[in-house]
Amino acid sequence: MAFMQMKRVVAGVLRQFKVVPAVAEGVEPNFVSFLTSQ
């Protein structure tokens, strides 16, 4: 179910849009974890 949901979202979004991070070039986000990652 998770894969089907994610693939449908990817298809719906990328068919129409590009998702571009609004950060300076070279800035890497931090991977943090509580019960799940963020």
PDB file of all heavy atoms in Angstrom:
ATOM      1  N   MET A   1       0.829  -1.206   0.000  1.00  0.00           N
ATOM      2  CA  MET A   1       0.000   0.000   0.000  1.00  0.00           C
ATOM      3  C   MET A   1       0.864   1.257   0.000  1.00  0.00           C
ATOM      4  O   MET A   1       0.563   2.243  -0.686  1.00  0.00           O
ATOM      5  CB  MET A   1      -0.944   0.002   1.206  1.00  0.00           C
ATOM      6  CG  MET A   1      -1.885   1.193   1.254  1.00  0.00           C
ATOM      7  SD  MET A   1      -3.112   1.074   2.594  1.00  0.00           S
ATOM      8  CE  MET A   1      -4.295  -0.061   1.850  1.00  0.00           C
ATOM      9  N   ALA A   2       1.940   1.233   0.761  1.00  0.00           N
ATOM     10  CA  ALA A   2       2.854   2.380   0.822  1.00  0.00           C
ATOM     11  C   ALA A   2       3.478   2.645  -0.548  1.00  0.00           C
ATOM     12  O   ALA A   2       3.534   3.791  -1.009  1.00  0.00           O
ATOM     13  CB  ALA A   2       3.940   2.128   1.864  1.00  0.00           C
ATOM     14  N   PHE A   3       3.945   1.583  -1.215  1.00  0.00           N
ATOM     15  CA  PHE A   3       4.549   1.755  -2.536  1.00  0.00           C
ATOM     16  C   PHE A   3       3.534   2.295  -3.545  1.00  0.00           C
ATOM     17  O   PHE A   3       3.852   3.176  -4.357  1.00  0.00           O
ATOM     18  CB  PHE A   3       5.139   0.437  -3.044  1.00  0.00           C
ATOM     19  CG  PHE A   3       6.559   0.206  -2.619  1.00  0.00           C
ATOM     20  CD1 PHE A   3       6.897  -0.850  -1.787  1.00  0.00           C
ATOM     21  CD2 PHE A   3       7.567   1.046  -3.056  1.00  0.00           C
ATOM     22  CE1 PHE A   3       8.208  -1.073  -1.390  1.00  0.00           C
ATOM     23  CE2 PHE A   3       8.896   0.839  -2.679  1.00  0.00           C
ATOM     24  CZ  PHE A   3       9.209  -0.215  -1.833  1.00  0.00           C
ATOM     25  N   MET A   4       2.308   1.770  -3.498  1.00  0.00           N
ATOM     26  CA  MET A   4       1.294   2.222  -4.451  1.00  0.00           C
ATOM     27  C   MET A   4       0.972   3.694  -4.229  1.00  0.00           C
ATOM     28  O   MET A   4       0.819   4.466  -5.186  1.00  0.00           O
ATOM     29  CB  MET A   4       0.041   1.366  -4.319  1.00  0.00           C
ATOM     30  CG  MET A   4       0.239  -0.096  -4.697  1.00  0.00           C
ATOM     31  SD  MET A   4       0.799  -0.342  -6.393  1.00  0.00           S
ATOM     32  CE  MET A   4      -0.692   0.078  -7.281  1.00  0.00           C
ATOM     33  N   GLN A   5       0.845   4.099  -2.970  1.00  0.00           N
ATOM     34  CA  GLN A   5       0.568   5.497  -2.665  1.00  0.00           C
ATOM     35  C   GLN A   5       1.703   6.388  -3.142  1.00  0.00           C
ATOM     36  O   GLN A   5       1.486   7.426  -3.790  1.00  0.00           O
ATOM     37  CB  GLN A   5       0.352   5.683  -1.154  1.00  0.00           C
ATOM     38  CG  GLN A   5       0.120   7.121  -0.768  1.00  0.00           C
ATOM     39  CD  GLN A   5      -0.074   7.320   0.728  1.00  0.00           C
ATOM     40  OE1 GLN A   5      -0.605   8.331   1.173  1.00  0.00           O
ATOM     41  NE2 GLN A   5       0.352   6.362   1.539  1.00  0.00           N
ATOM     42  N   MET A   6       2.945   5.997  -2.829  1.00  0.00           N
ATOM     43  CA  MET A   6       4.091   6.829  -3.182  1.00  0.00           C
ATOM     44  C   MET A   6       4.246   6.948  -4.698  1.00  0.00           C
ATOM     45  O   MET A   6       4.498   8.040  -5.223  1.00  0.00           O
ATOM     46  CB  MET A   6       5.363   6.266  -2.539  1.00  0.00           C
ATOM     47  CG  MET A   6       5.399   6.422  -1.026  1.00  0.00           C
ATOM     48  SD  MET A   6       6.991   5.998  -0.269  1.00  0.00           S
ATOM     49  CE  MET A   6       7.047   4.227  -0.513  1.00  0.00           C
ATOM     50  N   LYS A   7       4.078   5.847  -5.417  1.00  0.00           N
ATOM     51  CA  LYS A   7       4.226   5.895  -6.872  1.00  0.00           C
ATOM     52  C   LYS A   7       3.145   6.752  -7.512  1.00  0.00           C
ATOM     53  O   LYS A   7       3.401   7.483  -8.481  1.00  0.00           O
ATOM     54  CB  LYS A   7       4.226   4.472  -7.449  1.00  0.00           C
ATOM     55  CG  LYS A   7       5.520   3.722  -7.174  1.00  0.00           C
ATOM     56  CD  LYS A   7       5.640   2.432  -7.978  1.00  0.00           C
ATOM     57  CE  LYS A   7       4.789   1.328  -7.422  1.00  0.00           C
ATOM     58  NZ  LYS A   7       5.046   0.033  -8.108  1.00  0.00           N
ATOM     59  N   ARG A   8       1.933   6.691  -6.967  1.00  0.00           N
ATOM     60  CA  ARG A   8       0.852   7.524  -7.520  1.00  0.00           C
ATOM     61  C   ARG A   8       1.130   9.001  -7.259  1.00  0.00           C
ATOM     62  O   ARG A   8       0.866   9.856  -8.120  1.00  0.00           O
ATOM     63  CB  ARG A   8      -0.492   7.109  -6.900  1.00  0.00           C
ATOM     64  CG  ARG A   8      -1.680   7.850  -7.497  1.00  0.00           C
ATOM     65  CD  ARG A   8      -1.857   7.514  -8.967  1.00  0.00           C
ATOM     66  NE  ARG A   8      -2.843   8.378  -9.609  1.00  0.00           N
ATOM     67  CZ  ARG A   8      -2.557   9.495 -10.269  1.00  0.00           C
ATOM     68  NH1 ARG A   8      -1.297   9.905 -10.362  1.00  0.00           N
ATOM     69  NH2 ARG A   8      -3.508  10.214 -10.828  1.00  0.00           N
ATOM     70  N   VAL A   9       1.663   9.337  -6.089  1.00  0.00           N
ATOM     71  CA  VAL A   9       2.018  10.723  -5.785  1.00  0.00           C
ATOM     72  C   VAL A   9       3.129  11.198  -6.717  1.00  0.00           C
ATOM     73  O   VAL A   9       3.063  12.298  -7.287  1.00  0.00           O
ATOM     74  CB  VAL A   9       2.452  10.871  -4.315  1.00  0.00           C
ATOM     75  CG1 VAL A   9       3.055  12.259  -4.062  1.00  0.00           C
ATOM     76  CG2 VAL A   9       1.264  10.642  -3.386  1.00  0.00           C
ATOM     77  N   VAL A  10       4.156  10.379  -6.875  1.00  0.00           N
ATOM     78  CA  VAL A  10       5.278  10.739  -7.749  1.00  0.00           C
ATOM     79  C   VAL A  10       4.777  10.988  -9.174  1.00  0.00           C
ATOM     80  O   VAL A  10       5.162  11.978  -9.819  1.00  0.00           O
ATOM     81  CB  VAL A  10       6.352   9.625  -7.736  1.00  0.00           C
ATOM     82  CG1 VAL A  10       7.405   9.879  -8.810  1.00  0.00           C
ATOM     83  CG2 VAL A  10       7.006   9.546  -6.355  1.00  0.00           C
ATOM     84  N   ALA A  11       3.901  10.107  -9.667  1.00  0.00           N
ATOM     85  CA  ALA A  11       3.363  10.272 -11.027  1.00  0.00           C
ATOM     86  C   ALA A  11       2.560  11.558 -11.139  1.00  0.00           C
ATOM     87  O   ALA A  11       2.705  12.313 -12.114  1.00  0.00           O
ATOM     88  CB  ALA A  11       2.494   9.062 -11.394  1.00  0.00           C
ATOM     89  N   GLY A  12       1.708  11.825 -10.146  1.00  0.00           N
ATOM     90  CA  GLY A  12       0.863  13.006 -10.189  1.00  0.00           C
ATOM     91  C   GLY A  12       1.642  14.304 -10.108  1.00  0.00           C
ATOM     92  O   GLY A  12       1.326  15.282 -10.793  1.00  0.00           O
ATOM     93  N   VAL A  13       2.684  14.319  -9.290  1.00  0.00           N
ATOM     94  CA  VAL A  13       3.462  15.545  -9.080  1.00  0.00           C
ATOM     95  C   VAL A  13       4.434  15.787 -10.237  1.00  0.00           C
ATOM     96  O   VAL A  13       4.469  16.876 -10.828  1.00  0.00           O
ATOM     97  CB  VAL A  13       4.228  15.490  -7.741  1.00  0.00           C
ATOM     98  CG1 VAL A  13       5.190  16.671  -7.615  1.00  0.00           C
ATOM     99  CG2 VAL A  13       3.239  15.485  -6.562  1.00  0.00           C
ATOM    100  N   LEU A  14       5.232  14.772 -10.590  1.00  0.00           N
ATOM    101  CA  LEU A  14       6.304  14.995 -11.565  1.00  0.00           C
ATOM    102  C   LEU A  14       5.807  15.122 -12.999  1.00  0.00           C
ATOM    103  O   LEU A  14       6.519  15.657 -13.858  1.00  0.00           O
ATOM    104  CB  LEU A  14       7.337  13.880 -11.467  1.00  0.00           C
ATOM    105  CG  LEU A  14       8.161  13.853 -10.177  1.00  0.00           C
ATOM    106  CD1 LEU A  14       9.230  12.777 -10.260  1.00  0.00           C
ATOM    107  CD2 LEU A  14       8.807  15.205  -9.894  1.00  0.00           C
ATOM    108  N   ARG A  15       4.616  14.651 -13.290  1.00  0.00           N
ATOM    109  CA  ARG A  15       4.064  14.857 -14.629  1.00  0.00           C
ATOM    110  C   ARG A  15       3.898  16.346 -14.916  1.00  0.00           C
ATOM    111  O   ARG A  15       4.102  16.810 -16.037  1.00  0.00           O
ATOM    112  CB  ARG A  15       2.713  14.148 -14.768  1.00  0.00           C
ATOM    113  CG  ARG A  15       2.055  14.350 -16.136  1.00  0.00           C
ATOM    114  CD  ARG A  15       0.717  13.652 -16.195  1.00  0.00           C
ATOM    115  NE  ARG A  15       0.875  12.217 -16.310  1.00  0.00           N
ATOM    116  CZ  ARG A  15       1.030  11.566 -17.456  1.00  0.00           C
ATOM    117  NH1 ARG A  15       1.092  12.239 -18.603  1.00  0.00           N
ATOM    118  NH2 ARG A  15       1.143  10.252 -17.482  1.00  0.00           N
ATOM    119  N   GLN A  16       3.550  17.125 -13.879  1.00  0.00           N
ATOM    120  CA  GLN A  16       3.250  18.537 -14.069  1.00  0.00           C
ATOM    121  C   GLN A  16       4.313  19.495 -13.511  1.00  0.00           C
ATOM    122  O   GLN A  16       4.443  20.614 -13.983  1.00  0.00           O
ATOM    123  CB  GLN A  16       1.916  18.882 -13.392  1.00  0.00           C
ATOM    124  CG  GLN A  16       0.709  18.242 -14.027  1.00  0.00           C
ATOM    125  CD  GLN A  16      -0.581  18.678 -13.344  1.00  0.00           C
ATOM    126  OE1 GLN A  16      -1.359  17.861 -12.872  1.00  0.00           O
ATOM    127  NE2 GLN A  16      -0.805  19.970 -13.274  1.00  0.00           N
ATOM    128  N   PHE A  17       5.077  19.041 -12.487  1.00  0.00           N
ATOM    129  CA  PHE A  17       5.910  19.994 -11.756  1.00  0.00           C
ATOM    130  C   PHE A  17       7.340  19.501 -11.537  1.00  0.00           C
ATOM    131  O   PHE A  17       7.603  18.294 -11.537  1.00  0.00           O
ATOM    132  CB  PHE A  17       5.295  20.287 -10.374  1.00  0.00           C
ATOM    133  CG  PHE A  17       3.868  20.743 -10.413  1.00  0.00           C
ATOM    134  CD1 PHE A  17       2.847  19.885 -10.035  1.00  0.00           C
ATOM    135  CD2 PHE A  17       3.541  22.033 -10.816  1.00  0.00           C
ATOM    136  CE1 PHE A  17       1.519  20.293 -10.061  1.00  0.00           C
ATOM    137  CE2 PHE A  17       2.216  22.455 -10.844  1.00  0.00           C
ATOM    138  CZ  PHE A  17       1.211  21.586 -10.474  1.00  0.00           C
ATOM    139  N   LYS A  18       8.223  20.461 -11.325  1.00  0.00           N
ATOM    140  CA  LYS A  18       9.546  20.204 -10.769  1.00  0.00           C
ATOM    141  C   LYS A  18       9.533  20.710  -9.335  1.00  0.00           C
ATOM    142  O   LYS A  18       9.017  21.787  -9.054  1.00  0.00           O
ATOM    143  CB  LYS A  18      10.633  20.935 -11.558  1.00  0.00           C
ATOM    144  CG  LYS A  18      10.992  20.282 -12.876  1.00  0.00           C
ATOM    145  CD  LYS A  18      12.145  21.005 -13.562  1.00  0.00           C
ATOM    146  CE  LYS A  18      13.460  20.806 -12.814  1.00  0.00           C
ATOM    147  NZ  LYS A  18      13.987  19.432 -12.941  1.00  0.00           N
ATOM    148  N   VAL A  19      10.103  19.919  -8.429  1.00  0.00           N
ATOM    149  CA  VAL A  19      10.196  20.298  -7.016  1.00  0.00           C
ATOM    150  C   VAL A  19      11.636  20.734  -6.757  1.00  0.00           C
ATOM    151  O   VAL A  19      12.561  19.915  -6.834  1.00  0.00           O
ATOM    152  CB  VAL A  19       9.805  19.125  -6.094  1.00  0.00           C
ATOM    153  CG1 VAL A  19       9.938  19.522  -4.624  1.00  0.00           C
ATOM    154  CG2 VAL A  19       8.373  18.659  -6.391  1.00  0.00           C
ATOM    155  N   VAL A  20      11.827  22.027  -6.465  1.00  0.00           N
ATOM    156  CA  VAL A  20      13.166  22.597  -6.349  1.00  0.00           C
ATOM    157  C   VAL A  20      13.421  23.079  -4.921  1.00  0.00           C
ATOM    158  O   VAL A  20      12.697  23.954  -4.430  1.00  0.00           O
ATOM    159  CB  VAL A  20      13.347  23.782  -7.322  1.00  0.00           C
ATOM    160  CG1 VAL A  20      14.760  24.346  -7.215  1.00  0.00           C
ATOM    161  CG2 VAL A  20      13.033  23.358  -8.745  1.00  0.00           C
ATOM    162  N   PRO A  21      14.410  22.505  -4.226  1.00  0.00           N
ATOM    163  CA  PRO A  21      14.692  22.947  -2.846  1.00  0.00           C
ATOM    164  C   PRO A  21      15.001  24.439  -2.796  1.00  0.00           C
ATOM    165  O   PRO A  21      15.750  24.964  -3.623  1.00  0.00           O
ATOM    166  CB  PRO A  21      15.918  22.111  -2.457  1.00  0.00           C
ATOM    167  CG  PRO A  21      15.854  20.909  -3.337  1.00  0.00           C
ATOM    168  CD  PRO A  21      15.291  21.397  -4.641  1.00  0.00           C
ATOM    169  N   ALA A  22      14.407  25.112  -1.812  1.00  0.00           N
ATOM    170  CA  ALA A  22      14.605  26.561  -1.648  1.00  0.00           C
ATOM    171  C   ALA A  22      15.721  26.822  -0.649  1.00  0.00           C
ATOM    172  O   ALA A  22      15.536  27.467   0.382  1.00  0.00           O
ATOM    173  CB  ALA A  22      13.309  27.216  -1.193  1.00  0.00           C
ATOM    174  N   VAL A  23      16.903  26.277  -0.962  1.00  0.00           N
ATOM    175  CA  VAL A  23      18.069  26.454  -0.089  1.00  0.00           C
ATOM    176  C   VAL A  23      19.263  26.831  -0.947  1.00  0.00           C
ATOM    177  O   VAL A  23      19.254  26.637  -2.174  1.00  0.00           O
ATOM    178  CB  VAL A  23      18.399  25.169   0.713  1.00  0.00           C
ATOM    179  CG1 VAL A  23      17.295  24.841   1.690  1.00  0.00           C
ATOM    180  CG2 VAL A  23      18.653  23.989  -0.231  1.00  0.00           C
ATOM    181  N   ALA A  24      20.275  27.358  -0.312  1.00  0.00           N
ATOM    182  CA  ALA A  24      21.487  27.735  -1.034  1.00  0.00           C
ATOM    183  C   ALA A  24      22.169  26.492  -1.602  1.00  0.00           C
ATOM    184  O   ALA A  24      22.053  25.387  -1.039  1.00  0.00           O
ATOM    185  CB  ALA A  24      22.434  28.493  -0.110  1.00  0.00           C
ATOM    186  N   GLU A  25      22.853  26.675  -2.702  1.00  0.00           N
ATOM    187  CA  GLU A  25      23.582  25.573  -3.342  1.00  0.00           C
ATOM    188  C   GLU A  25      24.568  24.936  -2.360  1.00  0.00           C
ATOM    189  O   GLU A  25      25.312  25.627  -1.675  1.00  0.00           O
ATOM    190  CB  GLU A  25      24.344  26.113  -4.553  1.00  0.00           C
ATOM    191  CG  GLU A  25      24.999  25.041  -5.409  1.00  0.00           C
ATOM    192  CD  GLU A  25      24.009  24.211  -6.186  1.00  0.00           C
ATOM    193  OE1 GLU A  25      22.915  24.733  -6.500  1.00  0.00           O
ATOM    194  OE2 GLU A  25      24.310  23.044  -6.468  1.00  0.00           O
ATOM    195  N   GLY A  26      24.521  23.609  -2.275  1.00  0.00           N
ATOM    196  CA  GLY A  26      25.454  22.893  -1.412  1.00  0.00           C
ATOM    197  C   GLY A  26      24.983  22.670   0.003  1.00  0.00           C
ATOM    198  O   GLY A  26      25.626  21.949   0.770  1.00  0.00           O
ATOM    199  N   VAL A  27      23.865  23.286   0.379  1.00  0.00           N
ATOM    200  CA  VAL A  27      23.333  23.096   1.733  1.00  0.00           C
ATOM    201  C   VAL A  27      22.630  21.741   1.815  1.00  0.00           C
ATOM    202  O   VAL A  27      21.733  21.448   1.025  1.00  0.00           O
ATOM    203  CB  VAL A  27      22.348  24.224   2.113  1.00  0.00           C
ATOM    204  CG1 VAL A  27      21.680  23.913   3.453  1.00  0.00           C
ATOM    205  CG2 VAL A  27      23.069  25.555   2.169  1.00  0.00           C
ATOM    206  N   GLU A  28      23.058  20.911   2.755  1.00  0.00           N
ATOM    207  CA  GLU A  28      22.495  19.572   2.913  1.00  0.00           C
ATOM    208  C   GLU A  28      21.578  19.548   4.131  1.00  0.00           C
ATOM    209  O   GLU A  28      21.965  20.016   5.208  1.00  0.00           O
ATOM    210  CB  GLU A  28      23.613  18.542   3.084  1.00  0.00           C
ATOM    211  CG  GLU A  28      24.591  18.505   1.927  1.00  0.00           C
ATOM    212  CD  GLU A  28      24.348  17.328   1.003  1.00  0.00           C
ATOM    213  OE1 GLU A  28      23.845  16.305   1.476  1.00  0.00           O
ATOM    214  OE2 GLU A  28      24.651  17.464  -0.189  1.00  0.00           O
ATOM    215  N   PRO A  29      20.389  18.997   4.009  1.00  0.00           N
ATOM    216  CA  PRO A  29      19.490  18.922   5.159  1.00  0.00           C
ATOM    217  C   PRO A  29      19.956  17.884   6.175  1.00  0.00           C
ATOM    218  O   PRO A  29      20.683  16.951   5.832  1.00  0.00           O
ATOM    219  CB  PRO A  29      18.154  18.518   4.534  1.00  0.00           C
ATOM    220  CG  PRO A  29      18.535  17.773   3.299  1.00  0.00           C
ATOM    221  CD  PRO A  29      19.795  18.424   2.792  1.00  0.00           C
ATOM    222  N   ASN A  30      19.527  18.053   7.402  1.00  0.00           N
ATOM    223  CA  ASN A  30      19.860  17.099   8.458  1.00  0.00           C
ATOM    224  C   ASN A  30      18.795  16.017   8.562  1.00  0.00           C
ATOM    225  O   ASN A  30      17.590  16.309   8.556  1.00  0.00           O
ATOM    226  CB  ASN A  30      19.991  17.805   9.813  1.00  0.00           C
ATOM    227  CG  ASN A  30      21.280  18.577   9.939  1.00  0.00           C
ATOM    228  OD1 ASN A  30      22.316  18.173   9.407  1.00  0.00           O
ATOM    229  ND2 ASN A  30      21.235  19.703  10.629  1.00  0.00           N
ATOM    230  N   PHE A  31      19.252  14.790   8.671  1.00  0.00           N
ATOM    231  CA  PHE A  31      18.374  13.634   8.875  1.00  0.00           C
ATOM    232  C   PHE A  31      18.213  13.442  10.380  1.00  0.00           C
ATOM    233  O   PHE A  31      19.195  13.195  11.081  1.00  0.00           O
ATOM    234  CB  PHE A  31      19.023  12.403   8.244  1.00  0.00           C
ATOM    235  CG  PHE A  31      18.229  11.124   8.374  1.00  0.00           C
ATOM    236  CD1 PHE A  31      17.289  10.777   7.423  1.00  0.00           C
ATOM    237  CD2 PHE A  31      18.449  10.255   9.441  1.00  0.00           C
ATOM    238  CE1 PHE A  31      16.578   9.583   7.522  1.00  0.00           C
ATOM    239  CE2 PHE A  31      17.744   9.066   9.553  1.00  0.00           C
ATOM    240  CZ  PHE A  31      16.801   8.737   8.582  1.00  0.00           C
ATOM    241  N   VAL A  32      17.002  13.606  10.886  1.00  0.00           N
ATOM    242  CA  VAL A  32      16.762  13.423  12.318  1.00  0.00           C
ATOM    243  C   VAL A  32      15.738  12.312  12.510  1.00  0.00           C
ATOM    244  O   VAL A  32      14.906  12.054  11.635  1.00  0.00           O
ATOM    245  CB  VAL A  32      16.275  14.720  13.008  1.00  0.00           C
ATOM    246  CG1 VAL A  32      17.347  15.791  12.958  1.00  0.00           C
ATOM    247  CG2 VAL A  32      14.984  15.237  12.377  1.00  0.00           C
ATOM    248  N   SER A  33      15.797  11.675  13.646  1.00  0.00           N
ATOM    249  CA  SER A  33      14.907  10.553  13.888  1.00  0.00           C
ATOM    250  C   SER A  33      14.320  10.614  15.293  1.00  0.00           C
ATOM    251  O   SER A  33      15.037  10.820  16.271  1.00  0.00           O
ATOM    252  CB  SER A  33      15.658   9.228  13.727  1.00  0.00           C
ATOM    253  OG  SER A  33      14.840   8.149  14.121  1.00  0.00           O
ATOM    254  N   PHE A  34      13.013  10.444  15.334  1.00  0.00           N
ATOM    255  CA  PHE A  34      12.339  10.220  16.614  1.00  0.00           C
ATOM    256  C   PHE A  34      11.751   8.805  16.506  1.00  0.00           C
ATOM    257  O   PHE A  34      12.517   7.853  16.403  1.00  0.00           O
ATOM    258  CB  PHE A  34      11.320  11.324  16.852  1.00  0.00           C
ATOM    259  CG  PHE A  34      11.994  12.683  16.948  1.00  0.00           C
ATOM    260  CD1 PHE A  34      11.935  13.597  15.909  1.00  0.00           C
ATOM    261  CD2 PHE A  34      12.752  12.999  18.065  1.00  0.00           C
ATOM    262  CE1 PHE A  34      12.591  14.818  15.988  1.00  0.00           C
ATOM    263  CE2 PHE A  34      13.424  14.212  18.159  1.00  0.00           C
ATOM    264  CZ  PHE A  34      13.334  15.120  17.111  1.00  0.00           C
ATOM    265  N   LEU A  35      10.458   8.605  16.471  1.00  0.00           N
ATOM    266  CA  LEU A  35       9.965   7.259  16.179  1.00  0.00           C
ATOM    267  C   LEU A  35      10.070   6.989  14.684  1.00  0.00           C
ATOM    268  O   LEU A  35      10.194   5.857  14.240  1.00  0.00           O
ATOM    269  CB  LEU A  35       8.521   7.095  16.659  1.00  0.00           C
ATOM    270  CG  LEU A  35       8.324   7.241  18.177  1.00  0.00           C
ATOM    271  CD1 LEU A  35       6.873   7.048  18.549  1.00  0.00           C
ATOM    272  CD2 LEU A  35       9.212   6.267  18.949  1.00  0.00           C
ATOM    273  N   THR A  36       9.996   8.048  13.885  1.00  0.00           N
ATOM    274  CA  THR A  36      10.228   7.976  12.449  1.00  0.00           C
ATOM    275  C   THR A  36      11.185   9.101  12.073  1.00  0.00           C
ATOM    276  O   THR A  36      11.431  10.012  12.851  1.00  0.00           O
ATOM    277  CB  THR A  36       8.919   8.125  11.651  1.00  0.00           C
ATOM    278  OG1 THR A  36       8.279   9.345  12.049  1.00  0.00           O
ATOM    279  CG2 THR A  36       7.977   6.951  11.916  1.00  0.00           C
ATOM    280  N   SER A  37      11.716   9.036  10.861  1.00  0.00           N
ATOM    281  CA  SER A  37      12.693  10.044  10.454  1.00  0.00           C
ATOM    282  C   SER A  37      12.004  11.292   9.913  1.00  0.00           C
ATOM    283  O   SER A  37      10.843  11.260   9.488  1.00  0.00           O
ATOM    284  CB  SER A  37      13.635   9.466   9.393  1.00  0.00           C
ATOM    285  OG  SER A  37      12.925   9.179   8.200  1.00  0.00           O
ATOM    286  N   GLN A  38      12.738  12.380   9.910  1.00  0.00           N
ATOM    287  CA  GLN A  38      12.259  13.651   9.385  1.00  0.00           C
ATOM    288  C   GLN A  38      13.436  14.410   8.780  1.00  0.00           C
ATOM    289  O   GLN A  38      14.595  14.100   9.045  1.00  0.00           O
ATOM    290  CB  GLN A  38      11.646  14.518  10.486  1.00  0.00           C
ATOM    291  CG  GLN A  38      10.381  13.989  11.119  1.00  0.00           C
ATOM    292  CD  GLN A  38       9.857  14.910  12.201  1.00  0.00           C
ATOM    293  OE1 GLN A  38      10.242  16.071  12.293  1.00  0.00           O
ATOM    294  NE2 GLN A  38       8.966  14.395  13.024  1.00  0.00           N
TER     295      GLN A  38
END
